PDB file of all heavy atoms in Angstrom:
ATOM      1  N   GLY A   1       0.842  -1.191  -0.003  1.00  0.00           N
ATOM      2  CA  GLY A   1       0.000   0.009  -0.007  1.00  0.00           C
ATOM      3  C   GLY A   1       0.885   1.255   0.033  1.00  0.00           C
ATOM      4  O   GLY A   1       2.035   1.198  -0.381  1.00  0.00           O
ATOM      5  N   TRP A   2       0.310   2.343   0.447  1.00  0.00           N
ATOM      6  CA  TRP A   2       1.035   3.609   0.484  1.00  0.00           C
ATOM      7  C   TRP A   2       2.057   3.533   1.640  1.00  0.00           C
ATOM      8  O   TRP A   2       1.729   3.234   2.767  1.00  0.00           O
ATOM      9  CB  TRP A   2       0.094   4.809   0.729  1.00  0.00           C
ATOM     10  CG  TRP A   2      -0.563   5.221  -0.520  1.00  0.00           C
ATOM     11  CD1 TRP A   2      -1.895   4.998  -0.908  1.00  0.00           C
ATOM     12  CD2 TRP A   2       0.041   5.924  -1.632  1.00  0.00           C
ATOM     13  NE1 TRP A   2      -2.144   5.506  -2.154  1.00  0.00           N
ATOM     14  CE2 TRP A   2      -0.991   6.081  -2.642  1.00  0.00           C
ATOM     15  CE3 TRP A   2       1.321   6.419  -1.902  1.00  0.00           C
ATOM     16  CZ2 TRP A   2      -0.684   6.721  -3.855  1.00  0.00           C
ATOM     17  CZ3 TRP A   2       1.581   7.051  -3.078  1.00  0.00           C
ATOM     18  CH2 TRP A   2       0.531   7.203  -4.057  1.00  0.00           C
ATOM     19  N   VAL A   3       3.292   3.714   1.319  1.00  0.00           N
ATOM     20  CA  VAL A   3       4.399   3.627   2.254  1.00  0.00           C
ATOM     21  C   VAL A   3       5.080   4.972   2.439  1.00  0.00           C
ATOM     22  O   VAL A   3       5.581   5.541   1.491  1.00  0.00           O
ATOM     23  CB  VAL A   3       5.433   2.559   1.813  1.00  0.00           C
ATOM     24  CG1 VAL A   3       6.575   2.455   2.834  1.00  0.00           C
ATOM     25  CG2 VAL A   3       4.735   1.231   1.622  1.00  0.00           C
ATOM     26  N   ASN A   4       5.061   5.441   3.682  1.00  0.00           N
ATOM     27  CA  ASN A   4       5.751   6.662   3.991  1.00  0.00           C
ATOM     28  C   ASN A   4       7.142   6.487   4.503  1.00  0.00           C
ATOM     29  O   ASN A   4       7.783   7.323   5.079  1.00  0.00           O
ATOM     30  CB  ASN A   4       4.941   7.496   5.023  1.00  0.00           C
ATOM     31  CG  ASN A   4       3.666   8.070   4.377  1.00  0.00           C
ATOM     32  OD1 ASN A   4       3.646   8.342   3.196  1.00  0.00           O
ATOM     33  ND2 ASN A   4       2.647   8.268   5.184  1.00  0.00           N
ATOM     34  N   GLY A   5       7.638   5.248   4.393  1.00  0.00           N
ATOM     35  CA  GLY A   5       9.000   4.923   4.892  1.00  0.00           C
ATOM     36  C   GLY A   5       9.566   3.810   4.084  1.00  0.00           C
ATOM     37  O   GLY A   5       9.289   2.648   4.317  1.00  0.00           O
ATOM     38  N   ILE A   6      10.412   4.121   3.150  1.00  0.00           N
ATOM     39  CA  ILE A   6      11.001   3.101   2.280  1.00  0.00           C
ATOM     40  C   ILE A   6      12.445   2.908   2.616  1.00  0.00           C
ATOM     41  O   ILE A   6      13.055   1.907   2.263  1.00  0.00           O
ATOM     42  CB  ILE A   6      10.796   3.551   0.778  1.00  0.00           C
ATOM     43  CG1 ILE A   6       9.340   3.573   0.479  1.00  0.00           C
ATOM     44  CG2 ILE A   6      11.610   2.716  -0.133  1.00  0.00           C
ATOM     45  CD1 ILE A   6       8.864   2.449  -0.314  1.00  0.00           C
ATOM     46  N   ILE A   7      13.061   3.876   3.225  1.00  0.00           N
ATOM     47  CA  ILE A   7      14.527   3.964   3.311  1.00  0.00           C
ATOM     48  C   ILE A   7      15.134   2.996   4.244  1.00  0.00           C
ATOM     49  O   ILE A   7      16.139   2.410   4.013  1.00  0.00           O
ATOM     50  CB  ILE A   7      14.981   5.393   3.547  1.00  0.00           C
ATOM     51  CG1 ILE A   7      14.347   6.322   2.551  1.00  0.00           C
ATOM     52  CG2 ILE A   7      16.475   5.507   3.486  1.00  0.00           C
ATOM     53  CD1 ILE A   7      14.517   5.820   1.086  1.00  0.00           C
ATOM     54  N   GLN A   8      14.558   2.839   5.414  1.00  0.00           N
ATOM     55  CA  GLN A   8      15.050   1.843   6.413  1.00  0.00           C
ATOM     56  C   GLN A   8      13.987   0.922   6.743  1.00  0.00           C
ATOM     57  O   GLN A   8      12.792   1.246   6.936  1.00  0.00           O
ATOM     58  CB  GLN A   8      15.516   2.544   7.667  1.00  0.00           C
ATOM     59  CG  GLN A   8      16.877   3.297   7.514  1.00  0.00           C
ATOM     60  CD  GLN A   8      17.379   3.783   8.803  1.00  0.00           C
ATOM     61  OE1 GLN A   8      16.653   3.889   9.806  1.00  0.00           O
ATOM     62  NE2 GLN A   8      18.685   4.080   8.861  1.00  0.00           N
ATOM     63  N   PHE A   9      14.303  -0.395   6.810  1.00  0.00           N
ATOM     64  CA  PHE A   9      13.323  -1.439   7.084  1.00  0.00           C
ATOM     65  C   PHE A   9      13.886  -2.361   8.157  1.00  0.00           C
ATOM     66  O   PHE A   9      14.949  -2.873   8.029  1.00  0.00           O
ATOM     67  CB  PHE A   9      13.016  -2.224   5.819  1.00  0.00           C
ATOM     68  CG  PHE A   9      11.995  -3.293   5.986  1.00  0.00           C
ATOM     69  CD1 PHE A   9      10.694  -2.967   6.392  1.00  0.00           C
ATOM     70  CD2 PHE A   9      12.309  -4.631   5.747  1.00  0.00           C
ATOM     71  CE1 PHE A   9       9.732  -3.958   6.563  1.00  0.00           C
ATOM     72  CE2 PHE A   9      11.376  -5.617   5.916  1.00  0.00           C
ATOM     73  CZ  PHE A   9      10.103  -5.298   6.305  1.00  0.00           C
ATOM     74  N   ASP A  10      13.165  -2.552   9.233  1.00  0.00           N
ATOM     75  CA  ASP A  10      13.638  -3.359  10.339  1.00  0.00           C
ATOM     76  C   ASP A  10      12.922  -4.645  10.494  1.00  0.00           C
ATOM     77  O   ASP A  10      12.995  -5.372  11.479  1.00  0.00           O
ATOM     78  CB  ASP A  10      13.560  -2.575  11.637  1.00  0.00           C
ATOM     79  CG  ASP A  10      12.134  -2.233  12.085  1.00  0.00           C
ATOM     80  OD1 ASP A  10      11.229  -2.702  11.349  1.00  0.00           O
ATOM     81  OD2 ASP A  10      11.964  -1.500  13.030  1.00  0.00           O
ATOM     82  N   GLY A  11      12.187  -5.006   9.394  1.00  0.00           N
ATOM     83  CA  GLY A  11      11.385  -6.234   9.414  1.00  0.00           C
ATOM     84  C   GLY A  11       9.924  -5.948   9.656  1.00  0.00           C
ATOM     85  O   GLY A  11       9.057  -6.767   9.316  1.00  0.00           O
ATOM     86  N   GLN A  12       9.628  -4.810  10.199  1.00  0.00           N
ATOM     87  CA  GLN A  12       8.208  -4.426  10.467  1.00  0.00           C
ATOM     88  C   GLN A  12       7.891  -3.030  10.056  1.00  0.00           C
ATOM     89  O   GLN A  12       6.870  -2.730   9.513  1.00  0.00           O
ATOM     90  CB  GLN A  12       7.906  -4.631  11.978  1.00  0.00           C
ATOM     91  CG  GLN A  12       7.878  -5.993  12.449  1.00  0.00           C
ATOM     92  CD  GLN A  12       7.450  -6.133  13.926  1.00  0.00           C
ATOM     93  OE1 GLN A  12       7.761  -5.212  14.710  1.00  0.00           O
ATOM     94  NE2 GLN A  12       6.707  -7.141  14.263  1.00  0.00           N
ATOM     95  N   ASN A  13       8.814  -2.087  10.328  1.00  0.00           N
ATOM     96  CA  ASN A  13       8.561  -0.643  10.108  1.00  0.00           C
ATOM     97  C   ASN A  13       9.452  -0.054   9.061  1.00  0.00           C
ATOM     98  O   ASN A  13      10.663  -0.358   8.955  1.00  0.00           O
ATOM     99  CB  ASN A  13       8.765   0.074  11.467  1.00  0.00           C
ATOM    100  CG  ASN A  13       7.821  -0.437  12.554  1.00  0.00           C
ATOM    101  OD1 ASN A  13       6.601  -0.579  12.291  1.00  0.00           O
ATOM    102  ND2 ASN A  13       8.370  -0.737  13.681  1.00  0.00           N
ATOM    103  N   TRP A  14       8.876   0.878   8.325  1.00  0.00           N
ATOM    104  CA  TRP A  14       9.687   1.664   7.357  1.00  0.00           C
ATOM    105  C   TRP A  14       9.936   3.030   7.928  1.00  0.00           C
ATOM    106  O   TRP A  14       9.124   3.596   8.647  1.00  0.00           O
ATOM    107  CB  TRP A  14       8.887   1.819   6.042  1.00  0.00           C
ATOM    108  CG  TRP A  14       8.483   0.509   5.378  1.00  0.00           C
ATOM    109  CD1 TRP A  14       7.323  -0.157   5.504  1.00  0.00           C
ATOM    110  CD2 TRP A  14       9.279  -0.173   4.474  1.00  0.00           C
ATOM    111  NE1 TRP A  14       7.333  -1.267   4.664  1.00  0.00           N
ATOM    112  CE2 TRP A  14       8.509  -1.312   4.041  1.00  0.00           C
ATOM    113  CE3 TRP A  14      10.538   0.033   3.889  1.00  0.00           C
ATOM    114  CZ2 TRP A  14       8.971  -2.235   3.166  1.00  0.00           C
ATOM    115  CZ3 TRP A  14      11.034  -0.936   2.992  1.00  0.00           C
ATOM    116  CH2 TRP A  14      10.217  -2.016   2.630  1.00  0.00           C
ATOM    117  N   SER A  15      11.108   3.587   7.561  1.00  0.00           N
ATOM    118  CA  SER A  15      11.377   4.995   7.954  1.00  0.00           C
ATOM    119  C   SER A  15      10.869   5.911   6.825  1.00  0.00           C
ATOM    120  O   SER A  15      10.706   5.430   5.686  1.00  0.00           O
ATOM    121  CB  SER A  15      12.847   5.220   8.173  1.00  0.00           C
ATOM    122  OG  SER A  15      13.612   5.032   6.982  1.00  0.00           O
ATOM    123  N   LEU A  16      10.626   7.181   7.141  1.00  0.00           N
ATOM    124  CA  LEU A  16      10.012   8.082   6.184  1.00  0.00           C
ATOM    125  C   LEU A  16      10.997   8.429   5.026  1.00  0.00           C
ATOM    126  O   LEU A  16      12.137   8.722   5.291  1.00  0.00           O
ATOM    127  CB  LEU A  16       9.594   9.359   6.883  1.00  0.00           C
ATOM    128  CG  LEU A  16       8.863  10.377   6.001  1.00  0.00           C
ATOM    129  CD1 LEU A  16       7.518   9.845   5.552  1.00  0.00           C
ATOM    130  CD2 LEU A  16       8.617  11.664   6.795  1.00  0.00           C
ATOM    131  N   MET A  17      10.553   8.339   3.814  1.00  0.00           N
ATOM    132  CA  MET A  17      11.406   8.673   2.668  1.00  0.00           C
ATOM    133  C   MET A  17      11.441  10.204   2.557  1.00  0.00           C
ATOM    134  O   MET A  17      10.350  10.810   2.356  1.00  0.00           O
ATOM    135  CB  MET A  17      10.817   8.056   1.357  1.00  0.00           C
ATOM    136  CG  MET A  17      11.649   8.467   0.151  1.00  0.00           C
ATOM    137  SD  MET A  17      10.878   7.948  -1.371  1.00  0.00           S
ATOM    138  CE  MET A  17      11.040   6.187  -1.248  1.00  0.00           C
ATOM    139  N   ASP A  18      12.544  10.808   2.641  1.00  0.00           N
ATOM    140  CA  ASP A  18      12.734  12.218   2.466  1.00  0.00           C
ATOM    141  C   ASP A  18      14.090  12.483   1.824  1.00  0.00           C
ATOM    142  O   ASP A  18      15.100  12.549   2.540  1.00  0.00           O
ATOM    143  CB  ASP A  18      12.657  12.930   3.864  1.00  0.00           C
ATOM    144  CG  ASP A  18      12.798  14.416   3.695  1.00  0.00           C
ATOM    145  OD1 ASP A  18      13.291  14.838   2.678  1.00  0.00           O
ATOM    146  OD2 ASP A  18      12.335  15.156   4.579  1.00  0.00           O
ATOM    147  N   PRO A  19      14.172  12.617   0.537  1.00  0.00           N
ATOM    148  CA  PRO A  19      15.471  12.695  -0.125  1.00  0.00           C
ATOM    149  C   PRO A  19      16.255  13.936   0.216  1.00  0.00           C
ATOM    150  O   PRO A  19      17.516  13.881   0.196  1.00  0.00           O
ATOM    151  CB  PRO A  19      15.115  12.735  -1.649  1.00  0.00           C
ATOM    152  CG  PRO A  19      13.654  13.086  -1.687  1.00  0.00           C
ATOM    153  CD  PRO A  19      13.027  12.583  -0.445  1.00  0.00           C
ATOM    154  N   THR A  20      15.684  15.057   0.628  1.00  0.00           N
ATOM    155  CA  THR A  20      16.474  16.233   0.997  1.00  0.00           C
ATOM    156  C   THR A  20      17.173  16.007   2.320  1.00  0.00           C
ATOM    157  O   THR A  20      18.380  16.164   2.391  1.00  0.00           O
ATOM    158  CB  THR A  20      15.550  17.484   1.137  1.00  0.00           C
ATOM    159  OG1 THR A  20      14.785  17.583  -0.061  1.00  0.00           O
ATOM    160  CG2 THR A  20      16.384  18.693   1.361  1.00  0.00           C
ATOM    161  N   PHE A  21      16.432  15.631   3.372  1.00  0.00           N
ATOM    162  CA  PHE A  21      17.105  15.428   4.681  1.00  0.00           C
ATOM    163  C   PHE A  21      18.072  14.278   4.560  1.00  0.00           C
ATOM    164  O   PHE A  21      19.159  14.311   5.182  1.00  0.00           O
ATOM    165  CB  PHE A  21      16.046  15.107   5.730  1.00  0.00           C
ATOM    166  CG  PHE A  21      15.353  16.359   6.244  1.00  0.00           C
ATOM    167  CD1 PHE A  21      14.345  16.205   7.142  1.00  0.00           C
ATOM    168  CD2 PHE A  21      15.759  17.632   5.938  1.00  0.00           C
ATOM    169  CE1 PHE A  21      13.653  17.347   7.697  1.00  0.00           C
ATOM    170  CE2 PHE A  21      15.148  18.720   6.417  1.00  0.00           C
ATOM    171  CZ  PHE A  21      14.127  18.582   7.333  1.00  0.00           C
ATOM    172  N   ALA A  22      17.785  13.205   3.822  1.00  0.00           N
ATOM    173  CA  ALA A  22      18.614  12.081   3.723  1.00  0.00           C
ATOM    174  C   ALA A  22      19.954  12.468   3.073  1.00  0.00           C
ATOM    175  O   ALA A  22      20.979  11.989   3.402  1.00  0.00           O
ATOM    176  CB  ALA A  22      17.970  10.944   2.969  1.00  0.00           C
ATOM    177  N   ALA A  23      19.953  13.321   2.138  1.00  0.00           N
ATOM    178  CA  ALA A  23      21.111  13.696   1.378  1.00  0.00           C
ATOM    179  C   ALA A  23      22.000  14.580   2.259  1.00  0.00           C
ATOM    180  O   ALA A  23      23.243  14.633   2.058  1.00  0.00           O
ATOM    181  CB  ALA A  23      20.778  14.425   0.108  1.00  0.00           C
ATOM    182  N   ASN A  24      21.444  15.330   3.173  1.00  0.00           N
ATOM    183  CA  ASN A  24      22.211  16.406   3.872  1.00  0.00           C
ATOM    184  C   ASN A  24      22.386  16.166   5.301  1.00  0.00           C
ATOM    185  O   ASN A  24      23.089  16.925   6.045  1.00  0.00           O
ATOM    186  CB  ASN A  24      21.526  17.732   3.599  1.00  0.00           C
ATOM    187  CG  ASN A  24      21.513  18.150   2.144  1.00  0.00           C
ATOM    188  OD1 ASN A  24      22.566  18.434   1.585  1.00  0.00           O
ATOM    189  ND2 ASN A  24      20.391  18.060   1.522  1.00  0.00           N
ATOM    190  N   ALA A  25      21.727  15.142   5.891  1.00  0.00           N
ATOM    191  CA  ALA A  25      21.785  14.931   7.320  1.00  0.00           C
ATOM    192  C   ALA A  25      23.145  14.303   7.732  1.00  0.00           C
ATOM    193  O   ALA A  25      23.635  13.376   7.120  1.00  0.00           O
ATOM    194  CB  ALA A  25      20.684  14.012   7.766  1.00  0.00           C
ATOM    195  N   GLY A  26      23.737  14.864   8.834  1.00  0.00           N
ATOM    196  CA  GLY A  26      24.959  14.243   9.342  1.00  0.00           C
ATOM    197  C   GLY A  26      24.865  13.999  10.803  1.00  0.00           C
ATOM    198  O   GLY A  26      25.889  13.476  11.394  1.00  0.00           O
ATOM    199  N   GLU A  27      23.759  14.248  11.408  1.00  0.00           N
ATOM    200  CA  GLU A  27      23.599  14.108  12.879  1.00  0.00           C
ATOM    201  C   GLU A  27      22.718  12.892  13.151  1.00  0.00           C
ATOM    202  O   GLU A  27      21.646  12.723  12.515  1.00  0.00           O
ATOM    203  CB  GLU A  27      22.948  15.315  13.463  1.00  0.00           C
ATOM    204  CG  GLU A  27      23.784  16.602  13.344  1.00  0.00           C
ATOM    205  CD  GLU A  27      25.036  16.558  14.271  1.00  0.00           C
ATOM    206  OE1 GLU A  27      24.976  15.800  15.243  1.00  0.00           O
ATOM    207  OE2 GLU A  27      25.984  17.337  13.980  1.00  0.00           O
ATOM    208  N   LYS A  28      23.062  12.081  14.136  1.00  0.00           N
ATOM    209  CA  LYS A  28      22.259  10.936  14.470  1.00  0.00           C
ATOM    210  C   LYS A  28      20.847  11.319  14.866  1.00  0.00           C
ATOM    211  O   LYS A  28      19.897  10.656  14.532  1.00  0.00           O
ATOM    212  CB  LYS A  28      22.959  10.135  15.607  1.00  0.00           C
ATOM    213  CG  LYS A  28      22.197   8.888  16.015  1.00  0.00           C
ATOM    214  CD  LYS A  28      22.935   8.201  17.104  1.00  0.00           C
ATOM    215  CE  LYS A  28      22.161   6.949  17.591  1.00  0.00           C
ATOM    216  NZ  LYS A  28      22.874   6.200  18.655  1.00  0.00           N
ATOM    217  N   GLU A  29      20.718  12.423  15.658  1.00  0.00           N
ATOM    218  CA  GLU A  29      19.453  12.855  16.052  1.00  0.00           C
ATOM    219  C   GLU A  29      18.548  13.192  14.870  1.00  0.00           C
ATOM    220  O   GLU A  29      17.331  12.929  14.847  1.00  0.00           O
ATOM    221  CB  GLU A  29      19.547  14.096  16.928  1.00  0.00           C
ATOM    222  CG  GLU A  29      20.237  13.709  18.311  1.00  0.00           C
ATOM    223  CD  GLU A  29      21.074  14.935  18.786  1.00  0.00           C
ATOM    224  OE1 GLU A  29      21.821  15.496  17.983  1.00  0.00           O
ATOM    225  OE2 GLU A  29      20.946  15.275  19.958  1.00  0.00           O
ATOM    226  N   LEU A  30      19.145  13.802  13.842  1.00  0.00           N
ATOM    227  CA  LEU A  30      18.353  14.187  12.669  1.00  0.00           C
ATOM    228  C   LEU A  30      17.884  12.906  11.903  1.00  0.00           C
ATOM    229  O   LEU A  30      16.759  12.879  11.439  1.00  0.00           O
ATOM    230  CB  LEU A  30      19.137  15.086  11.715  1.00  0.00           C
ATOM    231  CG  LEU A  30      18.394  15.685  10.486  1.00  0.00           C
ATOM    232  CD1 LEU A  30      17.121  16.336  10.999  1.00  0.00           C
ATOM    233  CD2 LEU A  30      19.255  16.639   9.730  1.00  0.00           C
ATOM    234  N   LYS A  31      18.778  11.924  11.815  1.00  0.00           N
ATOM    235  CA  LYS A  31      18.342  10.674  11.179  1.00  0.00           C
ATOM    236  C   LYS A  31      17.202  10.034  11.924  1.00  0.00           C
ATOM    237  O   LYS A  31      16.283   9.515  11.327  1.00  0.00           O
ATOM    238  CB  LYS A  31      19.541   9.751  11.063  1.00  0.00           C
ATOM    239  CG  LYS A  31      20.625  10.225  10.089  1.00  0.00           C
ATOM    240  CD  LYS A  31      21.719   9.210   9.954  1.00  0.00           C
ATOM    241  CE  LYS A  31      22.802   9.733   8.993  1.00  0.00           C
ATOM    242  NZ  LYS A  31      23.872   8.707   8.780  1.00  0.00           N
ATOM    243  N   ASN A  32      17.271  10.047  13.271  1.00  0.00           N
ATOM    244  CA  ASN A  32      16.099   9.528  14.066  1.00  0.00           C
ATOM    245  C   ASN A  32      14.869  10.317  13.768  1.00  0.00           C
ATOM    246  O   ASN A  32      13.792   9.771  13.736  1.00  0.00           O
ATOM    247  CB  ASN A  32      16.518   9.551  15.539  1.00  0.00           C
ATOM    248  CG  ASN A  32      17.572   8.560  15.875  1.00  0.00           C
ATOM    249  OD1 ASN A  32      17.789   7.534  15.181  1.00  0.00           O
ATOM    250  ND2 ASN A  32      18.299   8.803  16.980  1.00  0.00           N
ATOM    251  N   PHE A  33      15.057  11.609  13.622  1.00  0.00           N
ATOM    252  CA  PHE A  33      13.870  12.520  13.340  1.00  0.00           C
ATOM    253  C   PHE A  33      13.235  12.092  12.015  1.00  0.00           C
ATOM    254  O   PHE A  33      12.014  11.984  11.892  1.00  0.00           O
ATOM    255  CB  PHE A  33      14.342  13.964  13.318  1.00  0.00           C
ATOM    256  CG  PHE A  33      13.216  14.941  12.967  1.00  0.00           C
ATOM    257  CD1 PHE A  33      12.411  15.408  13.944  1.00  0.00           C
ATOM    258  CD2 PHE A  33      13.092  15.336  11.651  1.00  0.00           C
ATOM    259  CE1 PHE A  33      11.401  16.343  13.678  1.00  0.00           C
ATOM    260  CE2 PHE A  33      12.090  16.260  11.344  1.00  0.00           C
ATOM    261  CZ  PHE A  33      11.237  16.741  12.361  1.00  0.00           C
ATOM    262  N   ILE A  34      14.067  11.837  10.964  1.00  0.00           N
ATOM    263  CA  ILE A  34      13.558  11.443   9.688  1.00  0.00           C
ATOM    264  C   ILE A  34      12.727  10.129   9.814  1.00  0.00           C
ATOM    265  O   ILE A  34      11.667  10.007   9.234  1.00  0.00           O
ATOM    266  CB  ILE A  34      14.661  11.245   8.726  1.00  0.00           C
ATOM    267  CG1 ILE A  34      15.420  12.557   8.431  1.00  0.00           C
ATOM    268  CG2 ILE A  34      14.172  10.641   7.338  1.00  0.00           C
ATOM    269  CD1 ILE A  34      16.714  12.362   7.703  1.00  0.00           C
TER     270      ILE A  34
END
């Protein structure tokens, strides 16, 4: 179905796909935010 998280998959949950933040994030906290 509609997936708002394609980038990380832990077997159950997807993380939100956001190409801008993903390209420019360098902080662990920001990655968790995404």
